[in-house]
Amino acid sequence: MTINCLIVDDEEHALEVIKHHLKQVPYINLVAATTNPLEALQILNSQPIQLVFLDIQMPELSGLDVVRAINGKSKVILTTAYSEFAAEGFDLEVIDYLLKPISLPRFLRAVQRATQALQPTPLPVQPEEAPEQDYIFVKTEQKGKMLKINIQDIDFVEGMKNYVCIHHAGQRTLALLNMKDLESRLPAKQFMRVHKSFIIAVNKITFIEGNQIFLKNIKADITLGETYRTAFHEMMRKKLMQ
């Protein structure tokens, strides 16, 4: 990020001190330096200036008058030999208040404050809208009938030759599907094939004993097939507390 800045001070020596300090801050671009506050206002109105180093006691217009005139268009660091203006300066929401003579370390701290203030404000993260409940429609054994099944209600699926039996919310639905087709339609993060004849909802697992998988509220136990054992144990290993 490059910051365009302007120096305004009615003393040439004060201008030179700030110019010297600015050489230590490569990302600040000095657009202009002037001893005339009226000229400073013209520059501020004609060019994009993000930061102003501004003396307070100047002829014609004081630094505080300039702050009021720019009305927050640029960030301001006040520079002065008099501490009595500090309270009024901060009431005007200046970034910092530097007392002359200005040391380099104190100058750099003020610049750091200005840099932080000029960082773009990140857009607030909008909470993601809760997705609508996912579901599938399946053709049942009854001709012409299609049934809507909420995915979160599915406990497991059992393959039965030309049909699959979907166990969901205490019901059993026979559907004209094969296991491979249904497996591809179910969310991979929620369901896992554990046997050539079984797909289970992973979050319904209550415990595992040997090669038997037991599901919440399901009396039947599911056998873990040899072909699927490695992938299943790898998934379980990621969840294992040790």
C-alpha atoms as a PDB file:
ATOM      1  CA  MET A   1       0.000   0.000   0.000  1.00  0.00           C
ATOM      2  CA  THR A   2       1.329   3.451  -0.967  1.00  0.00           C
ATOM      3  CA  ILE A   3       0.223   6.434   1.118  1.00  0.00           C
ATOM      4  CA  ASN A   4       0.233   9.878  -0.476  1.00  0.00           C
ATOM      5  CA  CYS A   5       1.122  12.560   2.043  1.00  0.00           C
ATOM      6  CA  LEU A   6       1.333  16.337   2.378  1.00  0.00           C
ATOM      7  CA  ILE A   7       3.447  18.360   4.821  1.00  0.00           C
ATOM      8  CA  VAL A   8       2.152  21.748   5.979  1.00  0.00           C
ATOM      9  CA  ASP A   9       4.304  23.930   8.258  1.00  0.00           C
ATOM     10  CA  ASP A  10       5.145  27.628   8.125  1.00  0.00           C
ATOM     11  CA  GLU A  11       8.773  26.894   9.102  1.00  0.00           C
ATOM     12  CA  GLU A  12      11.075  25.563   6.395  1.00  0.00           C
ATOM     13  CA  HIS A  13      13.249  23.816   8.965  1.00  0.00           C
ATOM     14  CA  ALA A  14      10.247  21.858  10.262  1.00  0.00           C
ATOM     15  CA  LEU A  15       9.427  20.803   6.709  1.00  0.00           C
ATOM     16  CA  GLU A  16      12.946  19.506   6.220  1.00  0.00           C
ATOM     17  CA  VAL A  17      12.874  17.484   9.446  1.00  0.00           C
ATOM     18  CA  ILE A  18       9.717  15.638   8.385  1.00  0.00           C
ATOM     19  CA  LYS A  19      11.046  15.151   4.836  1.00  0.00           C
ATOM     20  CA  HIS A  20      14.167  13.573   6.340  1.00  0.00           C
ATOM     21  CA  HIS A  21      12.127  11.240   8.548  1.00  0.00           C
ATOM     22  CA  LEU A  22       9.921  10.234   5.618  1.00  0.00           C
ATOM     23  CA  LYS A  23      12.954   8.833   3.805  1.00  0.00           C
ATOM     24  CA  GLN A  24      12.848   5.998   6.356  1.00  0.00           C
ATOM     25  CA  VAL A  25       9.319   5.018   5.268  1.00  0.00           C
ATOM     26  CA  PRO A  26       9.438   3.803   1.638  1.00  0.00           C
ATOM     27  CA  TYR A  27       5.692   3.254   1.256  1.00  0.00           C
ATOM     28  CA  ILE A  28       4.847   6.915   1.933  1.00  0.00           C
ATOM     29  CA  ASN A  29       4.897   9.117  -1.151  1.00  0.00           C
ATOM     30  CA  LEU A  30       5.477  12.818  -0.463  1.00  0.00           C
ATOM     31  CA  VAL A  31       3.206  14.662  -2.900  1.00  0.00           C
ATOM     32  CA  ALA A  32       3.989  18.190  -1.706  1.00  0.00           C
ATOM     33  CA  ALA A  33       5.322  20.278   1.172  1.00  0.00           C
ATOM     34  CA  THR A  34       4.128  23.836   1.736  1.00  0.00           C
ATOM     35  CA  THR A  35       4.376  26.670   4.265  1.00  0.00           C
ATOM     36  CA  ASN A  36       0.995  28.065   3.186  1.00  0.00           C
ATOM     37  CA  PRO A  37      -2.172  26.477   4.668  1.00  0.00           C
ATOM     38  CA  LEU A  38      -4.360  27.980   1.919  1.00  0.00           C
ATOM     39  CA  GLU A  39      -2.186  26.310  -0.709  1.00  0.00           C
ATOM     40  CA  ALA A  40      -2.444  23.089   1.299  1.00  0.00           C
ATOM     41  CA  LEU A  41      -6.240  23.210   1.028  1.00  0.00           C
ATOM     42  CA  GLN A  42      -5.968  23.650  -2.744  1.00  0.00           C
ATOM     43  CA  ILE A  43      -3.680  20.601  -2.976  1.00  0.00           C
ATOM     44  CA  LEU A  44      -6.030  18.545  -0.805  1.00  0.00           C
ATOM     45  CA  ASN A  45      -8.947  19.464  -3.047  1.00  0.00           C
ATOM     46  CA  SER A  46      -7.122  18.623  -6.275  1.00  0.00           C
ATOM     47  CA  GLN A  47      -5.166  15.456  -5.419  1.00  0.00           C
ATOM     48  CA  PRO A  48      -5.764  12.228  -3.497  1.00  0.00           C
ATOM     49  CA  ILE A  49      -3.921  12.780  -0.215  1.00  0.00           C
ATOM     50  CA  GLN A  50      -4.344  10.153   2.491  1.00  0.00           C
ATOM     51  CA  LEU A  51      -2.109  11.643   5.204  1.00  0.00           C
ATOM     52  CA  VAL A  52      -1.246  15.216   6.260  1.00  0.00           C
ATOM     53  CA  PHE A  53       1.526  16.270   8.624  1.00  0.00           C
ATOM     54  CA  LEU A  54       0.123  19.562   9.850  1.00  0.00           C
ATOM     55  CA  ASP A  55       1.550  22.331  12.015  1.00  0.00           C
ATOM     56  CA  ILE A  56      -0.928  24.056  14.318  1.00  0.00           C
ATOM     57  CA  GLN A  57       0.268  27.656  14.695  1.00  0.00           C
ATOM     58  CA  MET A  58       0.383  29.215  11.228  1.00  0.00           C
ATOM     59  CA  PRO A  59      -0.659  32.589   9.798  1.00  0.00           C
ATOM     60  CA  GLU A  60      -4.058  33.046   8.085  1.00  0.00           C
ATOM     61  CA  LEU A  61      -5.306  29.551   9.026  1.00  0.00           C
ATOM     62  CA  SER A  62      -4.299  27.446  12.005  1.00  0.00           C
ATOM     63  CA  GLY A  63      -3.742  23.735  11.637  1.00  0.00           C
ATOM     64  CA  LEU A  64      -6.948  23.119  13.585  1.00  0.00           C
ATOM     65  CA  ASP A  65      -8.829  25.294  11.060  1.00  0.00           C
ATOM     66  CA  VAL A  66      -7.408  23.134   8.273  1.00  0.00           C
ATOM     67  CA  VAL A  67      -8.488  19.947  10.045  1.00  0.00           C
ATOM     68  CA  ARG A  68     -12.035  21.272  10.287  1.00  0.00           C
ATOM     69  CA  ALA A  69     -11.975  22.344   6.623  1.00  0.00           C
ATOM     70  CA  ILE A  70     -10.935  18.953   5.258  1.00  0.00           C
ATOM     71  CA  ASN A  71     -13.581  17.275   7.448  1.00  0.00           C
ATOM     72  CA  GLY A  72     -12.064  13.808   7.593  1.00  0.00           C
ATOM     73  CA  LYS A  73     -11.053  13.622   3.922  1.00  0.00           C
ATOM     74  CA  SER A  74      -7.467  12.856   4.962  1.00  0.00           C
ATOM     75  CA  LYS A  75      -5.891  11.472   8.107  1.00  0.00           C
ATOM     76  CA  VAL A  76      -3.957  14.093  10.074  1.00  0.00           C
ATOM     77  CA  ILE A  77      -0.888  14.007  12.297  1.00  0.00           C
ATOM     78  CA  LEU A  78      -0.498  17.344  14.090  1.00  0.00           C
ATOM     79  CA  THR A  79       2.989  18.755  14.627  1.00  0.00           C
ATOM     80  CA  THR A  80       3.602  21.609  17.078  1.00  0.00           C
ATOM     81  CA  ALA A  81       5.874  22.994  19.756  1.00  0.00           C
ATOM     82  CA  TYR A  82       2.930  23.581  22.103  1.00  0.00           C
ATOM     83  CA  SER A  83       1.223  20.799  24.053  1.00  0.00           C
ATOM     84  CA  GLU A  84      -1.835  22.827  25.062  1.00  0.00           C
ATOM     85  CA  PHE A  85      -3.553  22.090  21.746  1.00  0.00           C
ATOM     86  CA  ALA A  86      -3.451  18.329  22.202  1.00  0.00           C
ATOM     87  CA  ALA A  87      -6.938  17.904  23.683  1.00  0.00           C
ATOM     88  CA  GLU A  88      -8.602  19.948  20.946  1.00  0.00           C
ATOM     89  CA  GLY A  89      -6.636  18.076  18.317  1.00  0.00           C
ATOM     90  CA  PHE A  90      -7.809  14.680  19.527  1.00  0.00           C
ATOM     91  CA  ASP A  91     -11.376  15.984  19.749  1.00  0.00           C
ATOM     92  CA  LEU A  92     -11.046  16.481  15.997  1.00  0.00           C
ATOM     93  CA  GLU A  93      -9.993  12.813  15.679  1.00  0.00           C
ATOM     94  CA  VAL A  94      -6.450  13.377  14.466  1.00  0.00           C
ATOM     95  CA  ILE A  95      -4.246  10.289  14.277  1.00  0.00           C
ATOM     96  CA  ASP A  96      -1.449  11.591  16.496  1.00  0.00           C
ATOM     97  CA  TYR A  97       0.071  14.700  18.051  1.00  0.00           C
ATOM     98  CA  LEU A  98       3.824  15.179  17.657  1.00  0.00           C
ATOM     99  CA  LEU A  99       5.692  17.684  19.803  1.00  0.00           C
ATOM    100  CA  LYS A 100       8.688  19.415  18.251  1.00  0.00           C
ATOM    101  CA  PRO A 101      11.527  18.630  18.057  1.00  0.00           C
ATOM    102  CA  ILE A 102      10.263  15.391  16.546  1.00  0.00           C
ATOM    103  CA  SER A 103      12.500  12.365  17.051  1.00  0.00           C
ATOM    104  CA  LEU A 104      12.599   9.632  14.437  1.00  0.00           C
ATOM    105  CA  PRO A 105      11.324   6.837  16.752  1.00  0.00           C
ATOM    106  CA  ARG A 106       8.337   8.949  17.825  1.00  0.00           C
ATOM    107  CA  PHE A 107       7.683   9.903  14.191  1.00  0.00           C
ATOM    108  CA  LEU A 108       7.704   6.260  13.119  1.00  0.00           C
ATOM    109  CA  ARG A 109       5.198   5.326  15.824  1.00  0.00           C
ATOM    110  CA  ALA A 110       2.854   8.020  14.544  1.00  0.00           C
ATOM    111  CA  VAL A 111       3.261   6.765  10.984  1.00  0.00           C
ATOM    112  CA  GLN A 112       2.469   3.232  12.128  1.00  0.00           C
ATOM    113  CA  ARG A 113      -0.773   4.453  13.689  1.00  0.00           C
ATOM    114  CA  ALA A 114      -1.682   6.236  10.483  1.00  0.00           C
ATOM    115  CA  THR A 115      -0.881   3.160   8.407  1.00  0.00           C
ATOM    116  CA  GLN A 116      -3.165   1.012  10.546  1.00  0.00           C
ATOM    117  CA  ALA A 117      -5.938   3.596  10.334  1.00  0.00           C
ATOM    118  CA  LEU A 118      -5.645   3.671   6.539  1.00  0.00           C
ATOM    119  CA  GLN A 119      -5.839  -0.092   6.100  1.00  0.00           C
ATOM    120  CA  PRO A 120      -9.004  -1.029   4.195  1.00  0.00           C
ATOM    121  CA  THR A 121     -11.750  -2.158   6.538  1.00  0.00           C
ATOM    122  CA  PRO A 122     -12.511  -5.808   5.762  1.00  0.00           C
ATOM    123  CA  LEU A 123     -16.049  -6.461   4.710  1.00  0.00           C
ATOM    124  CA  PRO A 124     -18.042  -8.135   7.461  1.00  0.00           C
ATOM    125  CA  VAL A 125     -18.374 -11.836   6.925  1.00  0.00           C
ATOM    126  CA  GLN A 126     -21.952 -12.595   6.104  1.00  0.00           C
ATOM    127  CA  PRO A 127     -23.195 -15.702   7.866  1.00  0.00           C
ATOM    128  CA  GLU A 128     -23.975 -18.403   5.403  1.00  0.00           C
ATOM    129  CA  GLU A 129     -27.612 -19.040   5.029  1.00  0.00           C
ATOM    130  CA  ALA A 130     -28.616 -22.415   6.328  1.00  0.00           C
ATOM    131  CA  PRO A 131     -29.012 -24.629   3.292  1.00  0.00           C
ATOM    132  CA  GLU A 132     -32.410 -26.003   2.612  1.00  0.00           C
ATOM    133  CA  GLN A 133     -32.826 -29.561   3.808  1.00  0.00           C
ATOM    134  CA  ASP A 134     -31.369 -31.856   1.181  1.00  0.00           C
ATOM    135  CA  TYR A 135     -33.571 -34.588  -0.164  1.00  0.00           C
ATOM    136  CA  ILE A 136     -33.894 -37.107  -2.941  1.00  0.00           C
ATOM    137  CA  PHE A 137     -36.866 -38.449  -4.873  1.00  0.00           C
ATOM    138  CA  VAL A 138     -36.889 -42.186  -5.554  1.00  0.00           C
ATOM    139  CA  LYS A 139     -39.100 -44.407  -7.669  1.00  0.00           C
ATOM    140  CA  THR A 140     -40.737 -46.983  -5.444  1.00  0.00           C
ATOM    141  CA  GLU A 141     -41.907 -50.507  -6.237  1.00  0.00           C
ATOM    142  CA  GLN A 142     -45.390 -49.085  -6.666  1.00  0.00           C
ATOM    143  CA  LYS A 143     -45.797 -48.100 -10.319  1.00  0.00           C
ATOM    144  CA  GLY A 144     -45.860 -44.361 -10.931  1.00  0.00           C
ATOM    145  CA  LYS A 145     -45.121 -43.476  -7.297  1.00  0.00           C
ATOM    146  CA  MET A 146     -42.144 -41.314  -6.333  1.00  0.00           C
ATOM    147  CA  LEU A 147     -41.225 -40.675  -2.717  1.00  0.00           C
ATOM    148  CA  LYS A 148     -39.326 -37.744  -1.253  1.00  0.00           C
ATOM    149  CA  ILE A 149     -36.754 -38.797   1.364  1.00  0.00           C
ATOM    150  CA  ASN A 150     -34.834 -36.282   3.459  1.00  0.00           C
ATOM    151  CA  ILE A 151     -31.164 -37.188   3.376  1.00  0.00           C
ATOM    152  CA  GLN A 152     -30.620 -36.452   7.053  1.00  0.00           C
ATOM    153  CA  ASP A 153     -33.266 -39.054   7.901  1.00  0.00           C
ATOM    154  CA  ILE A 154     -31.415 -41.891   6.136  1.00  0.00           C
ATOM    155  CA  ASP A 155     -29.800 -44.373   8.535  1.00  0.00           C
ATOM    156  CA  PHE A 156     -28.492 -46.877   6.015  1.00  0.00           C
ATOM    157  CA  VAL A 157     -29.166 -48.369   2.608  1.00  0.00           C
ATOM    158  CA  GLU A 158     -29.321 -52.079   1.920  1.00  0.00           C
ATOM    159  CA  GLY A 159     -28.823 -53.577  -1.534  1.00  0.00           C
ATOM    160  CA  MET A 160     -31.443 -56.116  -2.647  1.00  0.00           C
ATOM    161  CA  LYS A 161     -30.717 -57.330  -6.199  1.00  0.00           C
ATOM    162  CA  ASN A 162     -32.614 -54.927  -8.506  1.00  0.00           C
ATOM    163  CA  TYR A 163     -33.767 -52.760  -5.616  1.00  0.00           C
ATOM    164  CA  VAL A 164     -32.309 -50.924  -2.691  1.00  0.00           C
ATOM    165  CA  CYS A 165     -33.997 -50.690   0.674  1.00  0.00           C
ATOM    166  CA  ILE A 166     -33.616 -47.249   2.240  1.00  0.00           C
ATOM    167  CA  HIS A 167     -33.971 -47.225   6.006  1.00  0.00           C
ATOM    168  CA  HIS A 168     -35.028 -43.740   7.085  1.00  0.00           C
ATOM    169  CA  ALA A 169     -36.771 -42.268  10.130  1.00  0.00           C
ATOM    170  CA  GLY A 170     -38.057 -45.654  11.224  1.00  0.00           C
ATOM    171  CA  GLN A 171     -39.351 -46.550   7.745  1.00  0.00           C
ATOM    172  CA  ARG A 172     -38.195 -48.885   4.975  1.00  0.00           C
ATOM    173  CA  THR A 173     -38.588 -47.812   1.362  1.00  0.00           C
ATOM    174  CA  LEU A 174     -37.863 -50.073  -1.594  1.00  0.00           C
ATOM    175  CA  ALA A 175     -36.556 -48.035  -4.509  1.00  0.00           C
ATOM    176  CA  LEU A 176     -35.846 -48.942  -8.123  1.00  0.00           C
ATOM    177  CA  LEU A 177     -32.150 -48.089  -7.921  1.00  0.00           C
ATOM    178  CA  ASN A 178     -28.876 -49.907  -7.710  1.00  0.00           C
ATOM    179  CA  MET A 179     -26.300 -49.290  -4.988  1.00  0.00           C
ATOM    180  CA  LYS A 180     -23.796 -47.602  -7.281  1.00  0.00           C
ATOM    181  CA  ASP A 181     -26.325 -45.028  -8.512  1.00  0.00           C
ATOM    182  CA  LEU A 182     -27.531 -44.187  -5.017  1.00  0.00           C
ATOM    183  CA  GLU A 183     -23.995 -44.004  -3.630  1.00  0.00           C
ATOM    184  CA  SER A 184     -23.126 -41.376  -6.259  1.00  0.00           C
ATOM    185  CA  ARG A 185     -26.153 -39.261  -5.286  1.00  0.00           C
ATOM    186  CA  LEU A 186     -25.580 -39.261  -1.519  1.00  0.00           C
ATOM    187  CA  PRO A 187     -23.150 -36.682  -0.020  1.00  0.00           C
ATOM    188  CA  ALA A 188     -19.742 -38.331   0.347  1.00  0.00           C
ATOM    189  CA  LYS A 189     -19.044 -36.487   3.623  1.00  0.00           C
ATOM    190  CA  GLN A 190     -22.155 -37.974   5.222  1.00  0.00           C
ATOM    191  CA  PHE A 191     -22.377 -41.488   3.774  1.00  0.00           C
ATOM    192  CA  MET A 192     -19.940 -44.332   3.244  1.00  0.00           C
ATOM    193  CA  ARG A 193     -20.090 -47.653   1.439  1.00  0.00           C
ATOM    194  CA  VAL A 194     -18.946 -50.276   3.956  1.00  0.00           C
ATOM    195  CA  HIS A 195     -20.065 -53.444   2.169  1.00  0.00           C
ATOM    196  CA  LYS A 196     -21.231 -54.377  -1.293  1.00  0.00           C
ATOM    197  CA  SER A 197     -24.747 -54.436   0.207  1.00  0.00           C
ATOM    198  CA  PHE A 198     -24.586 -51.535   2.708  1.00  0.00           C
ATOM    199  CA  ILE A 199     -24.175 -47.754   2.673  1.00  0.00           C
ATOM    200  CA  ILE A 200     -24.326 -46.140   6.113  1.00  0.00           C
ATOM    201  CA  ALA A 201     -24.816 -42.618   7.481  1.00  0.00           C
ATOM    202  CA  VAL A 202     -21.508 -42.005   9.242  1.00  0.00           C
ATOM    203  CA  ASN A 203     -22.988 -39.747  11.922  1.00  0.00           C
ATOM    204  CA  LYS A 204     -25.388 -42.526  12.969  1.00  0.00           C
ATOM    205  CA  ILE A 205     -22.552 -44.868  14.081  1.00  0.00           C
ATOM    206  CA  THR A 206     -22.723 -45.562  17.827  1.00  0.00           C
ATOM    207  CA  PHE A 207     -19.976 -48.194  18.175  1.00  0.00           C
ATOM    208  CA  ILE A 208     -17.871 -50.699  16.250  1.00  0.00           C
ATOM    209  CA  GLU A 209     -17.060 -54.187  17.413  1.00  0.00           C
ATOM    210  CA  GLY A 210     -14.712 -56.183  15.219  1.00  0.00           C
ATOM    211  CA  ASN A 211     -16.211 -56.081  11.739  1.00  0.00           C
ATOM    212  CA  GLN A 212     -19.685 -55.144  12.954  1.00  0.00           C
ATOM    213  CA  ILE A 213     -20.967 -51.561  12.817  1.00  0.00           C
ATOM    214  CA  PHE A 214     -23.859 -50.545  15.033  1.00  0.00           C
ATOM    215  CA  LEU A 215     -26.077 -47.569  14.258  1.00  0.00           C
ATOM    216  CA  LYS A 216     -28.210 -45.371  16.475  1.00  0.00           C
ATOM    217  CA  ASN A 217     -31.747 -46.717  16.991  1.00  0.00           C
ATOM    218  CA  ILE A 218     -31.089 -49.598  14.544  1.00  0.00           C
ATOM    219  CA  LYS A 219     -31.260 -53.137  15.920  1.00  0.00           C
ATOM    220  CA  ALA A 220     -29.563 -54.732  12.939  1.00  0.00           C
ATOM    221  CA  ASP A 221     -25.770 -54.707  12.837  1.00  0.00           C
ATOM    222  CA  ILE A 222     -23.940 -53.869   9.607  1.00  0.00           C
ATOM    223  CA  THR A 223     -21.050 -56.017   8.435  1.00  0.00           C
ATOM    224  CA  LEU A 224     -17.882 -54.253   7.311  1.00  0.00           C
ATOM    225  CA  GLY A 225     -16.804 -55.816   4.023  1.00  0.00           C
ATOM    226  CA  GLU A 226     -13.171 -56.633   3.322  1.00  0.00           C
ATOM    227  CA  THR A 227     -13.067 -54.457   0.174  1.00  0.00           C
ATOM    228  CA  TYR A 228     -14.120 -51.375   2.141  1.00  0.00           C
ATOM    229  CA  ARG A 229     -12.219 -52.034   5.361  1.00  0.00           C
ATOM    230  CA  THR A 230      -9.116 -49.917   4.652  1.00  0.00           C
ATOM    231  CA  ALA A 231     -11.045 -46.791   3.692  1.00  0.00           C
ATOM    232  CA  PHE A 232     -13.396 -47.194   6.664  1.00  0.00           C
ATOM    233  CA  HIS A 233     -10.603 -47.603   9.207  1.00  0.00           C
ATOM    234  CA  GLU A 234      -8.761 -44.625   7.715  1.00  0.00           C
ATOM    235  CA  MET A 235     -11.879 -42.503   8.180  1.00  0.00           C
ATOM    236  CA  MET A 236     -12.283 -43.724  11.762  1.00  0.00           C
ATOM    237  CA  ARG A 237      -8.617 -43.123  12.534  1.00  0.00           C
ATOM    238  CA  LYS A 238      -9.099 -39.409  11.780  1.00  0.00           C
ATOM    239  CA  LYS A 239     -11.845 -39.288  14.389  1.00  0.00           C
ATOM    240  CA  LEU A 240     -10.050 -41.382  16.999  1.00  0.00           C
ATOM    241  CA  MET A 241      -9.158 -39.681  20.306  1.00  0.00           C
ATOM    242  CA  GLN A 242      -5.832 -40.936  21.625  1.00  0.00           C
END
